Amino acid sequence: MAETALEKTAQEAGDFSVVPELCIACDACCQDFPEVFYMGDDTKAHTLDDQQSSLYNARTVVDICPTSAIEFSGELPPAILEIELEEVAGWEARWAPYRDAPEDTKERDRRYGRDYKVEEHSGYIKVTLQLPTRVPAVRDRFRFGAPETMPEYRTHVVLDGHTLAATAWVPRISPSDKADVKILKAKIRKLTHTSSSFPGRFTTTWEFPNKDVVGLKYRHDAHGQIEMLVFTDRAKMDAWQWRAHFITDKCTSCSICERVCPTNAISSGERYFIDPDLCINCSVCGVYCPFDAIDDSKEVLVEKIKPKQVPKALVHEELCTGCEFCVDVCPFEALEMKALEDNSVYSMPQTSQVAIVIEKNCVSCKLCEQVCIKDAIEVPRPHQFEDIGMSFMSYVMDDH
């Protein structure tokens, strides 16, 4: 029986397969091509039995994988640029000062995953990997008007036995990206094809053959740093707390967290960043975050509270001694003192004033509650301070 045109087309299209050893469960293929791939219980991507491979350009499917784990049995079409880029007028003049300039070796090492530090501590090994922050000054950066600041890499970290591996890659275009984001990604990915010192991805591994490895925790922050902790002590891992809250990749840069942070610990960017040296783990950023993008120091999501339901500071006037410490520490001018006409009902007869709350200014940060030694003020919300340690003490002692 002669084969039908449909059968011939399917044969020419070929089939996709996944190499499990290379799959890092980034979920990119499953998200973008659900008619072909699915994520299995083994946290690896798999192809569907009835995969509809002819729906997509095979090159586009294969290229979506940052670790080359997707294979295609048919003939791959030539690589194509997702978006046609236009040259920027006058780019030659802007490139001229960089034409013969020496390459930034530190940033080059970062593009290959070679800028890292390994430190051994009691109960764990800390590996810190710094990702690239600057786009290399190659010709096409100026030709197509690519930015100087590197967009945030996508990353995957896995611990397999005694081997730690971190894979990072330049972000690919997603169908859900806005038009300007697609153009930005296309410009950056164009450079990975034209510069020998700018690979599109890298994988760096570390071996700990003589260690009794029990688990892994890691964070990839908005400044391009991956902090990986390989634990050798189960109790240490179970009790672990990070120094600060953390803004995840669900961040949309809406700026609310920055505006309500009482210690100015949050700065803007492609994704907002919390400075661990300034964060006091008060959770107010997460309380106001409308996108559930902030975890606390125990890696637990800080759930948002509807703005009208955010509780305000409450002063127990019968306990207040009028010391004014809460007024001094509040960064939002949400507290002030009021004079008493009759202080006979208060526990401290010499008290001539007590604190009152200006509710419209209060953000529920709990700084006032923490500094009041008389327990005269509280903020009744479920998100409490964790062990704030020296960060909060430094904040107070610096007379913020």
Protein backbone atom coordinates (compact mmCIF):
# COMPACT_ATOMS: atom_id res chain seq x y z
CA MET A 1 0.00 0.00 0.00
CA ALA A 2 1.40 3.33 -0.99
CA GLU A 3 2.11 5.63 1.94
CA THR A 4 -0.13 8.64 2.33
CA ALA A 5 1.12 12.22 2.13
CA LEU A 6 0.42 12.60 5.86
CA GLU A 7 2.56 9.55 6.72
CA LYS A 8 5.39 10.84 4.53
CA THR A 9 5.25 14.24 6.19
CA ALA A 10 5.41 12.64 9.65
CA GLN A 11 8.47 10.58 8.64
CA GLU A 12 10.22 13.65 7.31
CA ALA A 13 9.40 15.50 10.50
CA GLY A 14 11.02 12.87 12.71
CA ASP A 15 10.57 12.43 16.44
CA PHE A 16 11.96 14.13 19.52
CA SER A 17 13.60 12.35 22.43
CA VAL A 18 15.16 13.43 25.73
CA VAL A 19 18.56 12.34 27.09
CA PRO A 20 17.75 11.91 30.81
CA GLU A 21 21.35 12.38 31.95
CA LEU A 22 21.37 15.87 30.42
CA CYS A 23 17.87 16.97 31.49
CA ILE A 24 17.91 19.47 34.36
CA ALA A 25 14.12 19.67 34.78
CA CYS A 26 14.00 23.35 33.87
CA ASP A 27 10.53 22.68 32.37
CA ALA A 28 11.14 24.97 29.37
CA CYS A 29 10.24 22.30 26.78
CA CYS A 30 7.12 21.21 28.66
CA GLN A 31 5.90 24.77 29.03
CA ASP A 32 6.51 25.83 25.42
CA PHE A 33 5.72 22.54 23.62
CA PRO A 34 3.05 20.69 25.68
CA GLU A 35 2.00 18.62 22.64
CA VAL A 36 5.45 16.98 22.65
CA PHE A 37 6.83 16.91 26.21
CA TYR A 38 5.67 16.34 29.76
CA MET A 39 7.43 16.37 33.14
CA GLY A 40 7.62 12.90 34.69
CA ASP A 41 7.55 11.82 38.31
CA ASP A 42 11.34 11.39 38.10
CA THR A 43 11.63 15.19 37.57
CA LYS A 44 12.83 14.63 34.02
CA ALA A 45 11.22 15.73 30.77
CA HIS A 46 9.75 12.98 28.58
CA THR A 47 8.14 12.85 25.15
CA LEU A 48 4.50 11.94 24.75
CA ASP A 49 3.70 8.64 23.05
CA ASP A 50 1.59 10.51 20.52
CA GLN A 51 3.90 13.52 20.26
CA GLN A 52 2.82 16.02 17.63
CA SER A 53 6.30 16.87 16.44
CA SER A 54 5.13 18.33 13.14
CA LEU A 55 3.47 21.26 14.93
CA TYR A 56 6.77 23.03 15.51
CA ASN A 57 10.00 23.94 13.80
CA ALA A 58 12.38 21.23 15.01
CA ARG A 59 15.27 23.67 15.39
CA THR A 60 13.18 25.85 17.70
CA VAL A 61 12.32 22.86 19.88
CA VAL A 62 15.89 21.56 20.11
CA ASP A 63 17.27 25.02 20.86
CA ILE A 64 14.89 25.59 23.77
CA CYS A 65 16.90 23.18 25.92
CA PRO A 66 19.82 24.85 27.71
CA THR A 67 21.74 21.57 28.15
CA SER A 68 21.22 20.01 24.69
CA ALA A 69 19.13 17.21 26.20
CA ILE A 70 16.60 17.22 23.34
CA GLU A 71 17.42 15.15 20.25
CA PHE A 72 15.60 14.93 16.92
CA SER A 73 15.60 11.87 14.65
CA GLY A 74 14.90 13.82 11.48
CA GLU A 75 16.89 16.49 9.65
CA LEU A 76 17.18 19.74 11.58
CA PRO A 77 16.53 22.94 9.66
CA PRO A 78 19.27 25.58 9.85
CA ALA A 79 19.41 27.79 12.92
CA ILE A 80 17.27 30.89 12.62
CA LEU A 81 17.06 34.04 14.69
CA GLU A 82 13.72 34.30 16.43
CA ILE A 83 13.45 38.03 15.69
CA GLU A 84 14.96 40.01 12.84
CA LEU A 85 17.23 42.69 14.30
CA GLU A 86 18.00 46.05 12.75
CA GLU A 87 21.31 47.86 12.85
CA VAL A 88 21.52 50.97 14.99
CA ALA A 89 22.53 54.12 13.16
CA GLY A 90 26.01 55.34 14.10
CA TRP A 91 26.98 52.11 15.87
CA GLU A 92 30.48 52.12 14.35
CA ALA A 93 31.44 55.29 16.21
CA ARG A 94 30.22 53.89 19.52
CA TRP A 95 32.13 50.67 18.96
CA ALA A 96 35.39 52.34 17.92
CA PRO A 97 36.75 52.97 21.47
CA TYR A 98 36.24 49.29 22.31
CA ARG A 99 37.56 47.78 19.07
CA ASP A 100 41.09 47.15 20.36
CA ALA A 101 40.43 47.39 24.09
CA PRO A 102 41.49 44.41 26.25
CA GLU A 103 38.71 42.05 27.26
CA ASP A 104 37.37 42.10 30.81
CA THR A 105 38.82 38.79 31.99
CA LYS A 106 36.71 38.67 35.14
CA GLU A 107 33.47 38.89 33.15
CA ARG A 108 34.81 36.39 30.61
CA ASP A 109 35.46 33.90 33.43
CA ARG A 110 31.92 34.46 34.68
CA ARG A 111 30.49 33.61 31.26
CA TYR A 112 32.24 30.24 31.55
CA GLY A 113 31.26 29.65 35.19
CA ARG A 114 34.80 30.06 36.52
CA ASP A 115 34.24 32.86 39.08
CA TYR A 116 33.44 30.92 42.23
CA LYS A 117 34.58 30.40 45.81
CA VAL A 118 34.39 27.27 47.98
CA GLU A 119 34.37 27.62 51.77
CA GLU A 120 34.12 24.83 54.35
CA HIS A 121 32.09 25.49 57.50
CA SER A 122 30.90 23.39 60.41
CA GLY A 123 28.17 21.17 59.00
CA TYR A 124 28.19 22.47 55.43
CA ILE A 125 30.27 23.59 52.45
CA LYS A 126 29.43 26.94 50.91
CA VAL A 127 29.94 27.41 47.16
CA THR A 128 29.40 30.90 45.79
CA LEU A 129 29.18 31.32 42.01
CA GLN A 130 29.03 34.77 40.41
CA LEU A 131 27.20 35.02 37.10
CA PRO A 132 28.01 37.62 34.41
CA THR A 133 26.83 41.18 35.02
CA ARG A 134 28.14 42.94 31.88
CA VAL A 135 27.52 42.18 28.21
CA PRO A 136 30.87 41.83 26.40
CA ALA A 137 31.85 44.83 24.29
CA VAL A 138 31.85 42.89 21.00
CA ARG A 139 30.93 44.47 17.70
CA ASP A 140 27.34 43.27 17.52
CA ARG A 141 26.51 44.69 20.94
CA PHE A 142 26.82 48.12 19.38
CA ARG A 143 25.58 47.09 15.95
CA PHE A 144 22.20 45.93 17.27
CA GLY A 145 21.98 48.22 20.29
CA ALA A 146 22.20 45.51 22.95
CA PRO A 147 22.35 46.71 26.57
CA GLU A 148 25.56 46.93 28.56
CA THR A 149 24.00 45.27 31.61
CA MET A 150 23.56 41.51 31.31
CA PRO A 151 19.98 40.28 31.70
CA GLU A 152 19.40 37.74 34.44
CA TYR A 153 20.59 34.24 33.59
CA ARG A 154 18.35 31.23 34.09
CA THR A 155 19.88 28.63 36.40
CA HIS A 156 19.53 25.08 37.63
CA VAL A 157 21.43 23.59 40.58
CA VAL A 158 21.47 19.88 41.39
CA LEU A 159 23.29 17.65 43.89
CA ASP A 160 23.88 14.12 42.63
CA GLY A 161 25.64 12.04 45.24
CA HIS A 162 28.91 13.85 45.98
CA THR A 163 28.75 16.03 42.87
CA LEU A 164 27.31 19.55 42.84
CA ALA A 165 26.47 20.99 39.41
CA ALA A 166 25.27 24.47 38.47
CA THR A 167 24.01 25.15 34.95
CA ALA A 168 23.31 28.70 33.78
CA TRP A 169 22.12 29.98 30.43
CA VAL A 170 21.20 33.15 28.61
CA PRO A 171 17.38 33.43 28.72
CA ARG A 172 15.52 32.32 25.64
CA ILE A 173 12.50 33.96 24.09
CA SER A 174 9.20 32.71 25.50
CA PRO A 175 5.82 33.08 23.80
CA SER A 176 4.59 34.85 26.94
CA ASP A 177 7.29 37.55 26.75
CA LYS A 178 6.27 41.09 25.91
CA ALA A 179 7.54 42.49 22.60
CA ASP A 180 10.31 44.59 24.14
CA VAL A 181 11.53 41.63 26.21
CA LYS A 182 11.63 39.40 23.13
CA ILE A 183 13.76 41.97 21.30
CA LEU A 184 16.11 42.30 24.29
CA LYS A 185 16.58 38.54 24.54
CA ALA A 186 17.09 38.24 20.79
CA LYS A 187 19.86 40.86 20.89
CA ILE A 188 21.71 39.13 23.72
CA ARG A 189 21.37 35.67 22.19
CA LYS A 190 22.67 37.06 18.90
CA LEU A 191 25.95 37.82 20.66
CA THR A 192 26.34 34.23 21.83
CA HIS A 193 26.55 33.17 18.18
CA THR A 194 29.13 35.76 17.16
CA SER A 195 31.58 35.88 20.06
CA SER A 196 33.87 32.97 20.89
CA SER A 197 34.09 34.14 24.52
CA PHE A 198 30.34 34.33 25.08
CA PRO A 199 28.80 30.84 25.27
CA GLY A 200 25.04 30.61 25.54
CA ARG A 201 25.29 28.35 28.59
CA PHE A 202 27.76 26.67 30.91
CA THR A 203 27.81 23.96 33.56
CA THR A 204 30.27 24.01 36.48
CA THR A 205 30.70 21.00 38.78
CA TRP A 206 32.33 20.48 42.15
CA GLU A 207 33.23 17.10 43.68
CA PHE A 208 33.15 16.31 47.41
CA PRO A 209 34.24 12.65 47.40
CA ASN A 210 35.34 12.47 51.04
CA LYS A 211 32.31 14.18 52.56
CA ASP A 212 29.18 12.65 54.05
CA VAL A 213 26.79 14.76 51.96
CA VAL A 214 23.18 14.89 53.21
CA GLY A 215 21.50 17.68 51.23
CA LEU A 216 21.51 21.00 49.38
CA LYS A 217 20.03 24.47 49.73
CA TYR A 218 20.65 27.35 47.34
CA ARG A 219 19.55 30.81 46.31
CA HIS A 220 20.10 32.68 43.05
CA ASP A 221 19.72 36.35 43.86
CA ALA A 222 18.98 39.36 41.67
CA HIS A 223 22.65 40.41 41.62
CA GLY A 224 23.64 37.30 39.71
CA GLN A 225 25.07 35.38 42.65
CA ILE A 226 24.24 31.75 43.38
CA GLU A 227 24.87 30.74 46.99
CA MET A 228 24.91 26.93 47.32
CA LEU A 229 25.15 25.09 50.62
CA VAL A 230 26.12 21.40 50.54
CA PHE A 231 25.27 20.06 53.99
CA THR A 232 27.22 17.38 55.81
CA ASP A 233 25.15 17.63 58.99
CA ARG A 234 21.44 16.79 58.88
CA ALA A 235 20.58 18.76 62.02
CA LYS A 236 22.35 21.83 60.64
CA MET A 237 20.38 21.58 57.38
CA ASP A 238 17.02 21.07 59.12
CA ALA A 239 17.61 24.13 61.34
CA TRP A 240 19.05 26.34 58.59
CA GLN A 241 17.87 29.93 58.23
CA TRP A 242 19.17 32.38 55.64
CA ARG A 243 20.30 35.79 56.79
CA ALA A 244 17.47 37.61 55.06
CA HIS A 245 14.19 37.41 53.20
CA PHE A 246 14.48 36.69 49.47
CA ILE A 247 12.73 37.96 46.35
CA THR A 248 12.06 35.14 43.88
CA ASP A 249 11.75 35.17 40.10
CA LYS A 250 8.00 35.84 40.45
CA CYS A 251 8.95 39.49 41.02
CA THR A 252 7.46 41.93 38.50
CA SER A 253 9.43 44.98 39.73
CA CYS A 254 6.26 46.72 40.89
CA SER A 255 8.29 48.59 43.61
CA ILE A 256 5.83 48.09 46.49
CA CYS A 257 8.32 46.14 48.60
CA GLU A 258 10.94 48.86 48.19
CA ARG A 259 8.50 51.53 49.36
CA VAL A 260 7.42 49.73 52.53
CA CYS A 261 10.80 48.36 53.67
CA PRO A 262 11.63 50.08 57.00
CA THR A 263 15.40 49.74 56.64
CA ASN A 264 15.85 50.58 52.92
CA ALA A 265 17.15 47.06 52.35
CA ILE A 266 15.46 46.63 48.95
CA SER A 267 16.80 47.97 45.67
CA SER A 268 15.35 47.91 42.17
CA GLY A 269 16.42 46.11 39.03
CA GLU A 270 15.16 43.50 36.57
CA ARG A 271 14.23 41.64 39.76
CA TYR A 272 14.28 43.44 43.11
CA PHE A 273 17.04 42.60 45.60
CA ILE A 274 17.12 42.43 49.41
CA ASP A 275 20.45 43.38 51.00
CA PRO A 276 21.17 40.76 53.71
CA ASP A 277 23.18 43.31 55.69
CA LEU A 278 20.13 45.58 56.04
CA CYS A 279 17.24 43.11 56.16
CA ILE A 280 15.79 42.55 59.65
CA ASN A 281 13.39 39.77 58.61
CA CYS A 282 10.29 41.77 59.51
CA SER A 283 8.30 40.30 56.57
CA VAL A 284 6.61 43.59 55.72
CA CYS A 285 7.83 43.32 52.11
CA GLY A 286 6.06 39.99 51.69
CA VAL A 287 2.93 41.20 53.46
CA TYR A 288 2.49 43.88 50.80
CA CYS A 289 3.84 41.96 47.76
CA PRO A 290 0.84 41.38 45.44
CA PHE A 291 2.58 38.57 43.52
CA ASP A 292 3.66 36.18 46.32
CA ALA A 293 7.27 36.70 45.31
CA ILE A 294 9.01 36.86 48.70
CA ASP A 295 10.24 34.02 50.93
CA ASP A 296 11.29 34.43 54.53
CA SER A 297 14.60 33.31 56.06
CA LYS A 298 13.24 29.75 56.37
CA GLU A 299 12.32 29.60 52.66
CA VAL A 300 8.61 29.88 53.50
CA LEU A 301 6.46 32.12 51.32
CA VAL A 302 5.30 35.27 53.10
CA GLU A 303 1.66 35.44 52.11
CA LYS A 304 0.26 38.81 51.22
CA ILE A 305 -2.42 40.53 53.25
CA LYS A 306 -5.06 42.65 51.53
CA PRO A 307 -4.15 46.33 51.99
CA LYS A 308 -7.29 47.14 53.94
CA GLN A 309 -6.64 44.18 56.24
CA VAL A 310 -3.01 44.97 57.10
CA PRO A 311 -3.07 45.58 60.88
CA LYS A 312 -1.65 48.78 62.30
CA ALA A 313 0.45 49.30 65.39
CA LEU A 314 -1.56 49.28 68.60
CA VAL A 315 -0.47 51.20 71.70
CA HIS A 316 -1.44 49.97 75.17
CA GLU A 317 -1.53 53.37 76.79
CA GLU A 318 -1.66 51.98 80.35
CA LEU A 319 1.81 50.47 79.78
CA CYS A 320 3.39 53.33 77.83
CA THR A 321 6.00 55.36 79.75
CA GLY A 322 6.35 58.10 77.15
CA CYS A 323 10.00 57.32 76.40
CA GLU A 324 9.60 58.27 72.69
CA PHE A 325 11.87 55.43 71.53
CA CYS A 326 9.16 54.07 69.21
CA VAL A 327 8.67 57.53 67.70
CA ASP A 328 12.39 57.86 67.05
CA VAL A 329 12.77 54.43 65.46
CA CYS A 330 9.74 54.59 63.13
CA PRO A 331 10.96 55.39 59.58
CA PHE A 332 7.46 56.24 58.36
CA GLU A 333 6.51 58.90 60.92
CA ALA A 334 3.59 56.73 61.97
CA LEU A 335 3.93 57.47 65.68
CA GLU A 336 3.79 60.64 67.71
CA MET A 337 3.39 61.62 71.34
CA LYS A 338 0.29 63.12 72.89
CA ALA A 339 0.11 64.92 76.23
CA LEU A 340 -2.04 63.47 78.98
CA GLU A 341 -4.62 65.57 80.77
CA ASP A 342 -5.11 62.95 83.50
CA ASN A 343 -2.37 60.42 84.17
CA SER A 344 -3.89 58.93 87.30
CA VAL A 345 -5.12 55.85 85.43
CA TYR A 346 -1.68 54.89 84.13
CA SER A 347 0.76 52.51 85.74
CA MET A 348 3.48 55.18 85.73
CA PRO A 349 2.08 58.27 87.49
CA GLN A 350 4.98 60.41 86.32
CA THR A 351 4.00 59.79 82.68
CA SER A 352 2.88 63.01 81.02
CA GLN A 353 2.64 61.69 77.47
CA VAL A 354 1.95 58.47 75.57
CA ALA A 355 2.49 57.32 72.00
CA ILE A 356 -0.33 57.33 69.46
CA VAL A 357 -0.44 55.78 65.99
CA ILE A 358 -1.00 57.64 62.71
CA GLU A 359 -2.61 54.70 60.94
CA LYS A 360 -2.34 56.01 57.37
CA ASN A 361 1.47 56.03 57.71
CA CYS A 362 1.88 52.66 59.46
CA VAL A 363 3.08 49.77 57.24
CA SER A 364 3.05 47.06 59.94
CA CYS A 365 6.83 46.65 60.02
CA LYS A 366 6.97 45.95 63.78
CA LEU A 367 10.05 48.06 64.49
CA CYS A 368 8.19 49.88 67.24
CA GLU A 369 7.10 46.60 68.80
CA GLN A 370 10.66 45.33 68.85
CA VAL A 371 12.17 48.35 70.59
CA CYS A 372 9.51 48.83 73.28
CA ILE A 373 10.86 47.29 76.49
CA LYS A 374 7.52 47.79 78.26
CA ASP A 375 5.49 45.73 75.75
CA ALA A 376 3.30 48.80 75.34
CA ILE A 377 3.01 48.55 71.56
CA GLU A 378 2.30 45.65 69.22
CA VAL A 379 1.42 44.92 65.62
CA PRO A 380 -1.05 42.00 65.60
CA ARG A 381 -0.25 40.30 62.32
CA PRO A 382 0.69 36.64 61.74
CA HIS A 383 4.08 37.33 60.12
CA GLN A 384 6.46 37.78 63.02
CA PHE A 385 10.11 38.69 63.31
CA GLU A 386 12.48 35.72 63.22
CA ASP A 387 15.89 35.88 64.90
CA ILE A 388 16.86 39.35 63.75
CA GLY A 389 20.22 39.27 65.55
CA MET A 390 22.81 41.94 64.91
CA SER A 391 21.12 43.34 61.79
CA PHE A 392 18.32 44.91 63.82
CA MET A 393 20.65 45.98 66.63
CA SER A 394 22.92 47.70 64.13
CA TYR A 395 19.88 49.45 62.65
CA VAL A 396 18.85 50.80 66.05
CA MET A 397 22.36 51.70 67.22
CA ASP A 398 23.04 53.61 63.98
CA ASP A 399 20.13 55.89 64.98
CA HIS A 400 18.13 55.40 61.79
